[in-house]
Amino acid sequence: MTMTRAEAAATEGQEAAALLERTRRTVDPQLRTGVESLPGSIRRIAMYHFGWERADGTPAEGQSGKAIRPALVLAATQALGGDPGRAVRAAAAVELAHNFTLLHDDVIDEDPTRRNRATAWTVFGVPDAIVAGDAMCALALRLLAEDPHPAAARASARLAACVIELCAGQQADCAFERRGPGEVSLDECLTMAEAKTGALLGCACALGALYAGADDEEVAAMDAFGREAGLAFQLIDDLIGIWGDPSHTGKPAGADLVAHKKSLPVVAALTSDTEAAAELAALYAGPLDAAAVRRAADAVDRAGGRDWAQGHAADRMAQAVQHLSRAVPDLAAAGDLLSLAEFVTRRTR
């Protein structure tokens, strides 16, 4: 019997959810061992950030995150014929690098909540949260430096280069906030998103390829797959930042609009040369209360920002699959990677 599109999407979502849960069970012990090696108060902040402890240091049952990036490492290793079990340290390193960026992003954006709890900087203060993020980044590189796997040195260098690119993307994002509503182009915004989000997903896939013993061409193709998937991920994330359900996202409704973020759907709307674009620009010129946030979200929608982001996410994912086929001609061997790609473009939180 043929499944409907909704049934197929539900099945794909279940497969991705199961894959992410398996990844957490596999990677979390290595991740937690690494975090527990951090000194004193830094360890406490990191344990709180990952949801393993409450602010007072008592155990908690929080989830450490979606585990998309470590899942990509393991899935890429498997797709190229490697042993995912030997890439667990690399997967943990990528997740540590990701969470380093989250700690810093929360400070920069002044976000009060993440994963339905208070952000680390609101609990422990800005300086300590920043320092804990720095320590996580160093720990990620140490995990790779101490890994006896023959690909570890190349993986460490690649992750270090990725962190530099992530920082450049974050700096560009911050610089956009100092520019007027009509002063950021869509091309600039896409370049920023590739550096800020696409780079780490690309790096995750590249590390998986390295740990599978892939050649340079295959590593490059896997990196390109991850980057395109990362852009699709960012596009969906930006939509969630405007229309996401706070009970699912753990953040206030329209948080990106309140912060006047020049996210991809917002910039697409602002550059649409429509009446709604002018309305959005006027709203972005001043503070946004709850009513203004609703009007701004409606203006983004009417100006075409929502439709553009959804369509562009689908286009980027199609390009991602083309890159994947260069590294894995038989896409049946890349089932886990494709499940993750579908999850990225269909998720709602």
C-alpha atoms as a PDB file:
ATOM      1  CA  MET A   1       0.000   0.000   0.000  1.00  0.00           C
ATOM      2  CA  THR A   2       1.341   3.443  -0.961  1.00  0.00           C
ATOM      3  CA  MET A   3       1.869   5.895   1.908  1.00  0.00           C
ATOM      4  CA  THR A   4       0.557   9.452   1.728  1.00  0.00           C
ATOM      5  CA  ARG A   5       3.050  12.320   1.867  1.00  0.00           C
ATOM      6  CA  ALA A   6       2.083  13.031   5.485  1.00  0.00           C
ATOM      7  CA  GLU A   7       2.583   9.374   6.428  1.00  0.00           C
ATOM      8  CA  ALA A   8       5.957   9.279   4.662  1.00  0.00           C
ATOM      9  CA  ALA A   9       7.046  12.453   6.469  1.00  0.00           C
ATOM     10  CA  ALA A  10       5.979  10.973   9.803  1.00  0.00           C
ATOM     11  CA  THR A  11       7.934   7.785   9.094  1.00  0.00           C
ATOM     12  CA  GLU A  12      11.026   9.757   8.090  1.00  0.00           C
ATOM     13  CA  GLY A  13      10.692  11.872  11.228  1.00  0.00           C
ATOM     14  CA  GLN A  14      10.512   8.764  13.394  1.00  0.00           C
ATOM     15  CA  GLU A  15      13.608   7.324  11.712  1.00  0.00           C
ATOM     16  CA  ALA A  16      15.547  10.544  12.318  1.00  0.00           C
ATOM     17  CA  ALA A  17      14.351  10.740  15.932  1.00  0.00           C
ATOM     18  CA  ALA A  18      15.483   7.158  16.540  1.00  0.00           C
ATOM     19  CA  LEU A  19      18.841   7.894  14.926  1.00  0.00           C
ATOM     20  CA  LEU A  20      19.359  10.978  17.098  1.00  0.00           C
ATOM     21  CA  GLU A  21      18.442   9.024  20.222  1.00  0.00           C
ATOM     22  CA  ARG A  22      20.957   6.288  19.298  1.00  0.00           C
ATOM     23  CA  THR A  23      23.569   8.982  18.747  1.00  0.00           C
ATOM     24  CA  ARG A  24      22.949  10.481  22.184  1.00  0.00           C
ATOM     25  CA  ARG A  25      23.282   7.076  23.830  1.00  0.00           C
ATOM     26  CA  THR A  26      26.535   6.471  21.939  1.00  0.00           C
ATOM     27  CA  VAL A  27      28.157   9.886  22.218  1.00  0.00           C
ATOM     28  CA  ASP A  28      26.911  11.238  25.559  1.00  0.00           C
ATOM     29  CA  PRO A  29      29.191   9.026  27.697  1.00  0.00           C
ATOM     30  CA  GLN A  30      32.271  10.337  25.847  1.00  0.00           C
ATOM     31  CA  LEU A  31      30.890  13.866  25.941  1.00  0.00           C
ATOM     32  CA  ARG A  32      30.132  13.691  29.627  1.00  0.00           C
ATOM     33  CA  THR A  33      33.522  12.201  30.474  1.00  0.00           C
ATOM     34  CA  GLY A  34      35.150  15.102  28.672  1.00  0.00           C
ATOM     35  CA  VAL A  35      33.022  17.724  30.417  1.00  0.00           C
ATOM     36  CA  GLU A  36      33.642  16.129  33.806  1.00  0.00           C
ATOM     37  CA  SER A  37      37.388  16.562  33.219  1.00  0.00           C
ATOM     38  CA  LEU A  38      36.984  20.345  33.240  1.00  0.00           C
ATOM     39  CA  PRO A  39      38.063  22.194  36.400  1.00  0.00           C
ATOM     40  CA  GLY A  40      35.682  23.218  39.203  1.00  0.00           C
ATOM     41  CA  SER A  41      33.281  26.015  38.376  1.00  0.00           C
ATOM     42  CA  ILE A  42      33.796  25.636  34.622  1.00  0.00           C
ATOM     43  CA  ARG A  43      32.667  22.012  34.868  1.00  0.00           C
ATOM     44  CA  ARG A  44      29.598  23.097  36.842  1.00  0.00           C
ATOM     45  CA  ILE A  45      28.561  25.621  34.187  1.00  0.00           C
ATOM     46  CA  ALA A  46      29.093  23.118  31.376  1.00  0.00           C
ATOM     47  CA  MET A  47      27.143  20.409  33.205  1.00  0.00           C
ATOM     48  CA  TYR A  48      24.295  22.887  33.731  1.00  0.00           C
ATOM     49  CA  HIS A  49      24.371  23.988  30.081  1.00  0.00           C
ATOM     50  CA  PHE A  50      24.092  20.391  28.863  1.00  0.00           C
ATOM     51  CA  GLY A  51      21.150  19.785  31.191  1.00  0.00           C
ATOM     52  CA  TRP A  52      22.937  17.214  33.361  1.00  0.00           C
ATOM     53  CA  GLU A  53      22.879  19.333  36.523  1.00  0.00           C
ATOM     54  CA  ARG A  54      20.736  22.026  38.076  1.00  0.00           C
ATOM     55  CA  ALA A  55      22.204  25.405  38.971  1.00  0.00           C
ATOM     56  CA  ASP A  56      22.981  24.150  42.484  1.00  0.00           C
ATOM     57  CA  GLY A  57      24.960  21.209  41.128  1.00  0.00           C
ATOM     58  CA  THR A  58      22.384  18.499  41.877  1.00  0.00           C
ATOM     59  CA  PRO A  59      21.693  15.946  39.111  1.00  0.00           C
ATOM     60  CA  ALA A  60      19.100  16.777  36.453  1.00  0.00           C
ATOM     61  CA  GLU A  61      17.442  14.787  33.695  1.00  0.00           C
ATOM     62  CA  GLY A  62      17.756  17.396  30.952  1.00  0.00           C
ATOM     63  CA  GLN A  63      18.601  16.521  27.364  1.00  0.00           C
ATOM     64  CA  SER A  64      22.026  17.586  26.120  1.00  0.00           C
ATOM     65  CA  GLY A  65      20.686  18.728  22.727  1.00  0.00           C
ATOM     66  CA  LYS A  66      19.324  17.380  19.445  1.00  0.00           C
ATOM     67  CA  ALA A  67      22.669  15.689  18.596  1.00  0.00           C
ATOM     68  CA  ILE A  68      22.352  16.512  14.892  1.00  0.00           C
ATOM     69  CA  ARG A  69      26.043  17.291  14.419  1.00  0.00           C
ATOM     70  CA  PRO A  70      27.463  14.206  16.135  1.00  0.00           C
ATOM     71  CA  ALA A  71      24.877  12.126  14.266  1.00  0.00           C
ATOM     72  CA  LEU A  72      26.255  13.524  11.003  1.00  0.00           C
ATOM     73  CA  VAL A  73      29.786  12.490  11.996  1.00  0.00           C
ATOM     74  CA  LEU A  74      28.756   8.899  12.678  1.00  0.00           C
ATOM     75  CA  ALA A  75      26.422   8.670   9.687  1.00  0.00           C
ATOM     76  CA  ALA A  76      29.086  10.024   7.310  1.00  0.00           C
ATOM     77  CA  THR A  77      31.613   7.511   8.635  1.00  0.00           C
ATOM     78  CA  GLN A  78      29.161   4.670   8.084  1.00  0.00           C
ATOM     79  CA  ALA A  79      28.085   5.852   4.616  1.00  0.00           C
ATOM     80  CA  LEU A  80      31.695   5.660   3.435  1.00  0.00           C
ATOM     81  CA  GLY A  81      32.289   2.200   4.842  1.00  0.00           C
ATOM     82  CA  GLY A  82      34.021   3.173   8.085  1.00  0.00           C
ATOM     83  CA  ASP A  83      33.354   2.048  11.644  1.00  0.00           C
ATOM     84  CA  PRO A  84      31.209   4.660  13.454  1.00  0.00           C
ATOM     85  CA  GLY A  85      32.382   3.253  16.770  1.00  0.00           C
ATOM     86  CA  ARG A  86      35.866   4.591  16.068  1.00  0.00           C
ATOM     87  CA  ALA A  87      34.502   8.093  15.349  1.00  0.00           C
ATOM     88  CA  VAL A  88      32.726   8.656  18.676  1.00  0.00           C
ATOM     89  CA  ARG A  89      35.478  10.918  19.990  1.00  0.00           C
ATOM     90  CA  ALA A  90      35.245  13.048  16.831  1.00  0.00           C
ATOM     91  CA  ALA A  91      31.462  13.214  17.207  1.00  0.00           C
ATOM     92  CA  ALA A  92      31.832  14.408  20.803  1.00  0.00           C
ATOM     93  CA  ALA A  93      34.389  17.015  19.722  1.00  0.00           C
ATOM     94  CA  VAL A  94      31.985  18.445  17.157  1.00  0.00           C
ATOM     95  CA  GLU A  95      29.203  18.621  19.754  1.00  0.00           C
ATOM     96  CA  LEU A  96      31.508  20.424  22.181  1.00  0.00           C
ATOM     97  CA  ALA A  97      32.428  22.958  19.499  1.00  0.00           C
ATOM     98  CA  HIS A  98      28.741  23.495  18.769  1.00  0.00           C
ATOM     99  CA  ASN A  99      27.924  24.088  22.424  1.00  0.00           C
ATOM    100  CA  PHE A 100      30.832  26.512  22.757  1.00  0.00           C
ATOM    101  CA  THR A 101      29.070  28.617  20.117  1.00  0.00           C
ATOM    102  CA  LEU A 102      25.717  28.290  21.905  1.00  0.00           C
ATOM    103  CA  LEU A 103      27.118  29.590  25.192  1.00  0.00           C
ATOM    104  CA  HIS A 104      28.620  32.585  23.414  1.00  0.00           C
ATOM    105  CA  ASP A 105      25.556  33.178  21.217  1.00  0.00           C
ATOM    106  CA  ASP A 106      23.296  33.304  24.271  1.00  0.00           C
ATOM    107  CA  VAL A 107      25.508  36.005  25.776  1.00  0.00           C
ATOM    108  CA  ILE A 108      25.728  38.004  22.542  1.00  0.00           C
ATOM    109  CA  ASP A 109      21.984  37.773  21.851  1.00  0.00           C
ATOM    110  CA  GLU A 110      21.074  38.190  25.537  1.00  0.00           C
ATOM    111  CA  ASP A 111      18.774  35.169  25.250  1.00  0.00           C
ATOM    112  CA  PRO A 112      17.189  34.385  28.627  1.00  0.00           C
ATOM    113  CA  THR A 113      16.247  30.771  27.897  1.00  0.00           C
ATOM    114  CA  ARG A 114      17.516  27.724  26.002  1.00  0.00           C
ATOM    115  CA  ARG A 115      16.012  24.228  26.032  1.00  0.00           C
ATOM    116  CA  ASN A 116      13.226  25.493  28.302  1.00  0.00           C
ATOM    117  CA  ARG A 117      15.537  26.614  31.106  1.00  0.00           C
ATOM    118  CA  ALA A 118      17.491  29.736  31.995  1.00  0.00           C
ATOM    119  CA  THR A 119      20.627  30.246  29.917  1.00  0.00           C
ATOM    120  CA  ALA A 120      23.995  29.767  31.614  1.00  0.00           C
ATOM    121  CA  TRP A 121      24.924  33.454  31.515  1.00  0.00           C
ATOM    122  CA  THR A 122      21.726  34.446  33.352  1.00  0.00           C
ATOM    123  CA  VAL A 123      22.533  31.925  36.089  1.00  0.00           C
ATOM    124  CA  PHE A 124      26.316  32.192  36.435  1.00  0.00           C
ATOM    125  CA  GLY A 125      27.034  35.597  34.893  1.00  0.00           C
ATOM    126  CA  VAL A 126      28.473  36.682  31.551  1.00  0.00           C
ATOM    127  CA  PRO A 127      32.213  36.285  32.308  1.00  0.00           C
ATOM    128  CA  ASP A 128      31.854  32.727  33.618  1.00  0.00           C
ATOM    129  CA  ALA A 129      29.616  31.656  30.730  1.00  0.00           C
ATOM    130  CA  ILE A 130      32.122  32.991  28.194  1.00  0.00           C
ATOM    131  CA  VAL A 131      35.037  31.284  29.912  1.00  0.00           C
ATOM    132  CA  ALA A 132      33.117  27.989  30.060  1.00  0.00           C
ATOM    133  CA  GLY A 133      32.491  28.266  26.321  1.00  0.00           C
ATOM    134  CA  ASP A 134      36.179  28.873  25.706  1.00  0.00           C
ATOM    135  CA  ALA A 135      37.031  25.794  27.753  1.00  0.00           C
ATOM    136  CA  MET A 136      34.580  23.669  25.744  1.00  0.00           C
ATOM    137  CA  CYS A 137      36.246  24.745  22.508  1.00  0.00           C
ATOM    138  CA  ALA A 138      39.680  23.820  23.857  1.00  0.00           C
ATOM    139  CA  LEU A 139      38.305  20.510  25.147  1.00  0.00           C
ATOM    140  CA  ALA A 140      36.951  19.676  21.694  1.00  0.00           C
ATOM    141  CA  LEU A 141      40.402  20.081  20.157  1.00  0.00           C
ATOM    142  CA  ARG A 142      42.016  18.151  23.023  1.00  0.00           C
ATOM    143  CA  LEU A 143      39.706  15.185  22.440  1.00  0.00           C
ATOM    144  CA  LEU A 144      40.926  14.963  18.866  1.00  0.00           C
ATOM    145  CA  ALA A 145      44.579  15.617  19.759  1.00  0.00           C
ATOM    146  CA  GLU A 146      44.494  12.668  22.179  1.00  0.00           C
ATOM    147  CA  ASP A 147      42.669  10.331  19.798  1.00  0.00           C
ATOM    148  CA  PRO A 148      44.936   7.524  18.513  1.00  0.00           C
ATOM    149  CA  HIS A 149      42.929   7.264  15.266  1.00  0.00           C
ATOM    150  CA  PRO A 150      45.152   7.973  12.216  1.00  0.00           C
ATOM    151  CA  ALA A 151      42.733  10.670  10.995  1.00  0.00           C
ATOM    152  CA  ALA A 152      42.773  12.589  14.284  1.00  0.00           C
ATOM    153  CA  ALA A 153      45.449  15.142  13.369  1.00  0.00           C
ATOM    154  CA  ARG A 154      43.722  16.140  10.118  1.00  0.00           C
ATOM    155  CA  ALA A 155      40.385  16.206  11.924  1.00  0.00           C
ATOM    156  CA  SER A 156      41.777  18.490  14.625  1.00  0.00           C
ATOM    157  CA  ALA A 157      43.141  20.920  12.061  1.00  0.00           C
ATOM    158  CA  ARG A 158      39.852  20.903  10.181  1.00  0.00           C
ATOM    159  CA  LEU A 159      37.813  21.564  13.321  1.00  0.00           C
ATOM    160  CA  ALA A 160      40.141  24.421  14.319  1.00  0.00           C
ATOM    161  CA  ALA A 161      39.696  26.005  10.874  1.00  0.00           C
ATOM    162  CA  CYS A 162      35.944  25.557  11.213  1.00  0.00           C
ATOM    163  CA  VAL A 163      35.900  27.365  14.579  1.00  0.00           C
ATOM    164  CA  ILE A 164      37.668  30.335  12.980  1.00  0.00           C
ATOM    165  CA  GLU A 165      35.023  30.359  10.230  1.00  0.00           C
ATOM    166  CA  LEU A 166      32.250  30.144  12.836  1.00  0.00           C
ATOM    167  CA  CYS A 167      33.702  33.170  14.626  1.00  0.00           C
ATOM    168  CA  ALA A 168      33.821  35.103  11.346  1.00  0.00           C
ATOM    169  CA  GLY A 169      30.174  34.247  10.728  1.00  0.00           C
ATOM    170  CA  GLN A 170      29.185  35.360  14.211  1.00  0.00           C
ATOM    171  CA  GLN A 171      31.088  38.626  13.819  1.00  0.00           C
ATOM    172  CA  ALA A 172      29.295  39.292  10.523  1.00  0.00           C
ATOM    173  CA  ASP A 173      25.948  38.547  12.153  1.00  0.00           C
ATOM    174  CA  CYS A 174      26.695  41.061  14.912  1.00  0.00           C
ATOM    175  CA  ALA A 175      27.856  43.648  12.363  1.00  0.00           C
ATOM    176  CA  PHE A 176      24.544  43.321  10.501  1.00  0.00           C
ATOM    177  CA  GLU A 177      22.685  44.415  13.623  1.00  0.00           C
ATOM    178  CA  ARG A 178      24.493  47.757  13.528  1.00  0.00           C
ATOM    179  CA  ARG A 179      23.323  48.407   9.962  1.00  0.00           C
ATOM    180  CA  GLY A 180      19.948  49.754   8.903  1.00  0.00           C
ATOM    181  CA  PRO A 181      17.041  47.501   7.832  1.00  0.00           C
ATOM    182  CA  GLY A 182      17.745  48.062   4.136  1.00  0.00           C
ATOM    183  CA  GLU A 183      21.549  47.912   4.308  1.00  0.00           C
ATOM    184  CA  VAL A 184      22.089  44.122   4.365  1.00  0.00           C
ATOM    185  CA  SER A 185      21.816  42.190   1.105  1.00  0.00           C
ATOM    186  CA  LEU A 186      20.499  38.656   0.781  1.00  0.00           C
ATOM    187  CA  ASP A 187      23.851  37.472  -0.628  1.00  0.00           C
ATOM    188  CA  GLU A 188      25.658  38.858   2.426  1.00  0.00           C
ATOM    189  CA  CYS A 189      23.181  37.139   4.702  1.00  0.00           C
ATOM    190  CA  LEU A 190      23.594  33.793   2.917  1.00  0.00           C
ATOM    191  CA  THR A 191      27.384  34.068   3.155  1.00  0.00           C
ATOM    192  CA  MET A 192      27.095  34.763   6.877  1.00  0.00           C
ATOM    193  CA  ALA A 193      24.758  31.797   7.394  1.00  0.00           C
ATOM    194  CA  GLU A 194      27.112  29.438   5.563  1.00  0.00           C
ATOM    195  CA  ALA A 195      29.944  30.472   7.883  1.00  0.00           C
ATOM    196  CA  LYS A 196      27.891  30.524  11.088  1.00  0.00           C
ATOM    197  CA  THR A 197      25.872  27.335  10.579  1.00  0.00           C
ATOM    198  CA  GLY A 198      26.855  25.558   7.368  1.00  0.00           C
ATOM    199  CA  ALA A 199      30.534  25.375   8.273  1.00  0.00           C
ATOM    200  CA  LEU A 200      30.045  23.172  11.341  1.00  0.00           C
ATOM    201  CA  LEU A 201      27.623  20.764   9.646  1.00  0.00           C
ATOM    202  CA  GLY A 202      30.081  20.543   6.763  1.00  0.00           C
ATOM    203  CA  CYS A 203      32.913  19.940   9.203  1.00  0.00           C
ATOM    204  CA  ALA A 204      30.920  17.186  10.936  1.00  0.00           C
ATOM    205  CA  CYS A 205      30.442  15.358   7.647  1.00  0.00           C
ATOM    206  CA  ALA A 206      34.077  15.925   6.656  1.00  0.00           C
ATOM    207  CA  LEU A 207      35.305  14.495   9.962  1.00  0.00           C
ATOM    208  CA  GLY A 208      33.128  11.447   9.438  1.00  0.00           C
ATOM    209  CA  ALA A 209      34.664  11.008   5.994  1.00  0.00           C
ATOM    210  CA  LEU A 210      38.191  11.386   7.387  1.00  0.00           C
ATOM    211  CA  TYR A 211      37.505   8.752  10.029  1.00  0.00           C
ATOM    212  CA  ALA A 212      36.275   6.424   7.264  1.00  0.00           C
ATOM    213  CA  GLY A 213      39.591   6.820   5.430  1.00  0.00           C
ATOM    214  CA  ALA A 214      38.014   8.715   2.517  1.00  0.00           C
ATOM    215  CA  ASP A 215      40.087  10.450  -0.151  1.00  0.00           C
ATOM    216  CA  ASP A 216      40.259  14.233  -0.556  1.00  0.00           C
ATOM    217  CA  GLU A 217      37.510  14.348  -3.194  1.00  0.00           C
ATOM    218  CA  GLU A 218      35.112  12.372  -1.004  1.00  0.00           C
ATOM    219  CA  VAL A 219      35.910  14.523   2.021  1.00  0.00           C
ATOM    220  CA  ALA A 220      35.229  17.678  -0.022  1.00  0.00           C
ATOM    221  CA  ALA A 221      31.922  16.274  -1.301  1.00  0.00           C
ATOM    222  CA  MET A 222      30.804  15.379   2.211  1.00  0.00           C
ATOM    223  CA  ASP A 223      31.779  18.831   3.452  1.00  0.00           C
ATOM    224  CA  ALA A 224      29.725  20.390   0.650  1.00  0.00           C
ATOM    225  CA  PHE A 225      26.765  18.156   1.533  1.00  0.00           C
ATOM    226  CA  GLY A 226      26.924  19.304   5.140  1.00  0.00           C
ATOM    227  CA  ARG A 227      27.257  22.962   4.217  1.00  0.00           C
ATOM    228  CA  GLU A 228      24.192  22.906   1.984  1.00  0.00           C
ATOM    229  CA  ALA A 229      22.249  20.965   4.616  1.00  0.00           C
ATOM    230  CA  GLY A 230      23.478  23.532   7.155  1.00  0.00           C
ATOM    231  CA  LEU A 231      22.051  26.390   5.128  1.00  0.00           C
ATOM    232  CA  ALA A 232      18.733  24.552   4.906  1.00  0.00           C
ATOM    233  CA  PHE A 233      18.929  24.031   8.671  1.00  0.00           C
ATOM    234  CA  GLN A 234      19.555  27.747   9.241  1.00  0.00           C
ATOM    235  CA  LEU A 235      16.660  28.747   7.005  1.00  0.00           C
ATOM    236  CA  ILE A 236      14.276  26.535   8.963  1.00  0.00           C
ATOM    237  CA  ASP A 237      15.813  27.740  12.237  1.00  0.00           C
ATOM    238  CA  ASP A 238      15.173  31.330  11.184  1.00  0.00           C
ATOM    239  CA  LEU A 239      11.527  30.506  10.452  1.00  0.00           C
ATOM    240  CA  ILE A 240      11.235  28.903  13.894  1.00  0.00           C
ATOM    241  CA  GLY A 241      12.834  32.019  15.390  1.00  0.00           C
ATOM    242  CA  ILE A 242       9.837  33.984  14.106  1.00  0.00           C
ATOM    243  CA  TRP A 243       6.926  31.538  14.204  1.00  0.00           C
ATOM    244  CA  GLY A 244       8.129  28.782  16.543  1.00  0.00           C
ATOM    245  CA  ASP A 245       6.028  27.622  19.486  1.00  0.00           C
ATOM    246  CA  PRO A 246       7.734  28.813  22.717  1.00  0.00           C
ATOM    247  CA  SER A 247       6.693  25.590  24.479  1.00  0.00           C
ATOM    248  CA  HIS A 248       8.771  23.692  21.923  1.00  0.00           C
ATOM    249  CA  THR A 249      11.606  26.126  21.234  1.00  0.00           C
ATOM    250  CA  GLY A 250      12.234  27.133  24.845  1.00  0.00           C
ATOM    251  CA  LYS A 251      12.464  30.762  23.713  1.00  0.00           C
ATOM    252  CA  PRO A 252       9.911  33.614  23.704  1.00  0.00           C
ATOM    253  CA  ALA A 253       7.661  33.976  20.643  1.00  0.00           C
ATOM    254  CA  GLY A 254       9.253  36.034  17.882  1.00  0.00           C
ATOM    255  CA  ALA A 255      12.561  36.190  19.761  1.00  0.00           C
ATOM    256  CA  ASP A 256      14.537  37.000  16.600  1.00  0.00           C
ATOM    257  CA  LEU A 257      12.186  39.866  15.777  1.00  0.00           C
ATOM    258  CA  VAL A 258      12.410  41.315  19.287  1.00  0.00           C
ATOM    259  CA  ALA A 259      16.204  41.304  18.875  1.00  0.00           C
ATOM    260  CA  HIS A 260      15.890  42.948  15.428  1.00  0.00           C
ATOM    261  CA  LYS A 261      17.834  40.024  13.937  1.00  0.00           C
ATOM    262  CA  LYS A 262      18.452  40.302  10.214  1.00  0.00           C
ATOM    263  CA  SER A 263      17.726  36.629   9.668  1.00  0.00           C
ATOM    264  CA  LEU A 264      17.317  35.187   6.194  1.00  0.00           C
ATOM    265  CA  PRO A 265      13.490  35.439   5.935  1.00  0.00           C
ATOM    266  CA  VAL A 266      13.628  38.966   7.385  1.00  0.00           C
ATOM    267  CA  VAL A 267      16.253  40.110   4.864  1.00  0.00           C
ATOM    268  CA  ALA A 268      14.346  38.412   2.032  1.00  0.00           C
ATOM    269  CA  ALA A 269      11.277  40.373   3.128  1.00  0.00           C
ATOM    270  CA  LEU A 270      13.145  43.667   3.565  1.00  0.00           C
ATOM    271  CA  THR A 271      14.635  43.421   0.062  1.00  0.00           C
ATOM    272  CA  SER A 272      11.333  42.500  -1.622  1.00  0.00           C
ATOM    273  CA  ASP A 273      10.483  46.108  -2.587  1.00  0.00           C
ATOM    274  CA  THR A 274       6.905  45.658  -1.373  1.00  0.00           C
ATOM    275  CA  GLU A 275       4.576  47.654   0.836  1.00  0.00           C
ATOM    276  CA  ALA A 276       5.022  44.997   3.522  1.00  0.00           C
ATOM    277  CA  ALA A 277       8.806  45.446   3.302  1.00  0.00           C
ATOM    278  CA  ALA A 278       8.445  49.154   4.047  1.00  0.00           C
ATOM    279  CA  GLU A 279       6.134  48.334   6.964  1.00  0.00           C
ATOM    280  CA  LEU A 280       8.697  45.860   8.338  1.00  0.00           C
ATOM    281  CA  ALA A 281      11.532  48.377   7.987  1.00  0.00           C
ATOM    282  CA  ALA A 282       9.512  50.938   9.941  1.00  0.00           C
ATOM    283  CA  LEU A 283       8.819  48.425  12.698  1.00  0.00           C
ATOM    284  CA  TYR A 284      12.509  47.492  12.865  1.00  0.00           C
ATOM    285  CA  ALA A 285      13.384  51.146  13.438  1.00  0.00           C
ATOM    286  CA  GLY A 286      12.121  51.008  17.025  1.00  0.00           C
ATOM    287  CA  PRO A 287      11.525  48.630  19.945  1.00  0.00           C
ATOM    288  CA  LEU A 288       9.014  45.828  19.396  1.00  0.00           C
ATOM    289  CA  ASP A 289       6.420  44.984  22.028  1.00  0.00           C
ATOM    290  CA  ALA A 290       4.236  41.868  21.727  1.00  0.00           C
ATOM    291  CA  ALA A 291       1.758  43.550  19.363  1.00  0.00           C
ATOM    292  CA  ALA A 292       4.538  44.941  17.164  1.00  0.00           C
ATOM    293  CA  VAL A 293       6.175  41.495  17.008  1.00  0.00           C
ATOM    294  CA  ARG A 294       2.943  40.052  15.639  1.00  0.00           C
ATOM    295  CA  ARG A 295       2.738  42.833  13.038  1.00  0.00           C
ATOM    296  CA  ALA A 296       6.378  42.313  12.067  1.00  0.00           C
ATOM    297  CA  ALA A 297       5.867  38.557  11.647  1.00  0.00           C
ATOM    298  CA  ASP A 298       2.830  39.244   9.471  1.00  0.00           C
ATOM    299  CA  ALA A 299       4.843  41.739   7.394  1.00  0.00           C
ATOM    300  CA  VAL A 300       7.617  39.179   6.831  1.00  0.00           C
ATOM    301  CA  ASP A 301       4.986  36.716   5.648  1.00  0.00           C
ATOM    302  CA  ARG A 302       3.212  39.179   3.332  1.00  0.00           C
ATOM    303  CA  ALA A 303       6.526  40.351   1.881  1.00  0.00           C
ATOM    304  CA  GLY A 304       7.336  36.780   0.856  1.00  0.00           C
ATOM    305  CA  GLY A 305      10.069  36.087   3.394  1.00  0.00           C
ATOM    306  CA  ARG A 306       8.441  32.940   4.721  1.00  0.00           C
ATOM    307  CA  ASP A 307       7.792  31.392   1.305  1.00  0.00           C
ATOM    308  CA  TRP A 308      11.271  32.311   0.083  1.00  0.00           C
ATOM    309  CA  ALA A 309      12.941  30.681   3.089  1.00  0.00           C
ATOM    310  CA  GLN A 310      10.912  27.484   2.769  1.00  0.00           C
ATOM    311  CA  GLY A 311      11.583  27.232  -0.965  1.00  0.00           C
ATOM    312  CA  HIS A 312      15.260  28.049  -0.616  1.00  0.00           C
ATOM    313  CA  ALA A 313      15.660  25.434   2.125  1.00  0.00           C
ATOM    314  CA  ALA A 314      14.268  22.798  -0.244  1.00  0.00           C
ATOM    315  CA  ASP A 315      16.611  23.969  -3.024  1.00  0.00           C
ATOM    316  CA  ARG A 316      19.638  23.805  -0.736  1.00  0.00           C
ATOM    317  CA  MET A 317      18.725  20.316   0.374  1.00  0.00           C
ATOM    318  CA  ALA A 318      18.450  19.178  -3.245  1.00  0.00           C
ATOM    319  CA  GLN A 319      21.951  20.551  -3.847  1.00  0.00           C
ATOM    320  CA  ALA A 320      23.147  18.767  -0.709  1.00  0.00           C
ATOM    321  CA  VAL A 321      21.959  15.420  -2.073  1.00  0.00           C
ATOM    322  CA  GLN A 322      23.791  16.078  -5.349  1.00  0.00           C
ATOM    323  CA  HIS A 323      27.040  16.605  -3.440  1.00  0.00           C
ATOM    324  CA  LEU A 324      26.376  13.482  -1.370  1.00  0.00           C
ATOM    325  CA  SER A 325      25.993  11.379  -4.509  1.00  0.00           C
ATOM    326  CA  ARG A 326      29.551  12.343  -5.529  1.00  0.00           C
ATOM    327  CA  ALA A 327      30.918  10.720  -2.378  1.00  0.00           C
ATOM    328  CA  VAL A 328      28.349   7.917  -2.085  1.00  0.00           C
ATOM    329  CA  PRO A 329      27.048   7.021  -5.581  1.00  0.00           C
ATOM    330  CA  ASP A 330      24.705   4.407  -4.113  1.00  0.00           C
ATOM    331  CA  LEU A 331      22.554   6.623  -1.913  1.00  0.00           C
ATOM    332  CA  ALA A 332      21.044   3.543  -0.274  1.00  0.00           C
ATOM    333  CA  ALA A 333      24.277   3.372   1.721  1.00  0.00           C
ATOM    334  CA  ALA A 334      23.657   6.896   3.014  1.00  0.00           C
ATOM    335  CA  GLY A 335      20.226   6.266   4.509  1.00  0.00           C
ATOM    336  CA  ASP A 336      21.067   7.805   7.879  1.00  0.00           C
ATOM    337  CA  LEU A 337      22.471  10.961   6.277  1.00  0.00           C
ATOM    338  CA  LEU A 338      19.348  11.333   4.139  1.00  0.00           C
ATOM    339  CA  SER A 339      17.098  10.814   7.180  1.00  0.00           C
ATOM    340  CA  LEU A 340      18.956  13.597   8.964  1.00  0.00           C
ATOM    341  CA  ALA A 341      18.630  15.829   5.904  1.00  0.00           C
ATOM    342  CA  GLU A 342      14.883  15.265   5.841  1.00  0.00           C
ATOM    343  CA  PHE A 343      14.676  16.030   9.546  1.00  0.00           C
ATOM    344  CA  VAL A 344      16.510  19.313   9.033  1.00  0.00           C
ATOM    345  CA  THR A 345      14.010  20.590   6.482  1.00  0.00           C
ATOM    346  CA  ARG A 346      10.855  19.260   8.146  1.00  0.00           C
ATOM    347  CA  ARG A 347      11.497  20.107  11.790  1.00  0.00           C
ATOM    348  CA  THR A 348       9.314  22.629  13.610  1.00  0.00           C
ATOM    349  CA  ARG A 349      11.496  23.264  16.672  1.00  0.00           C
END
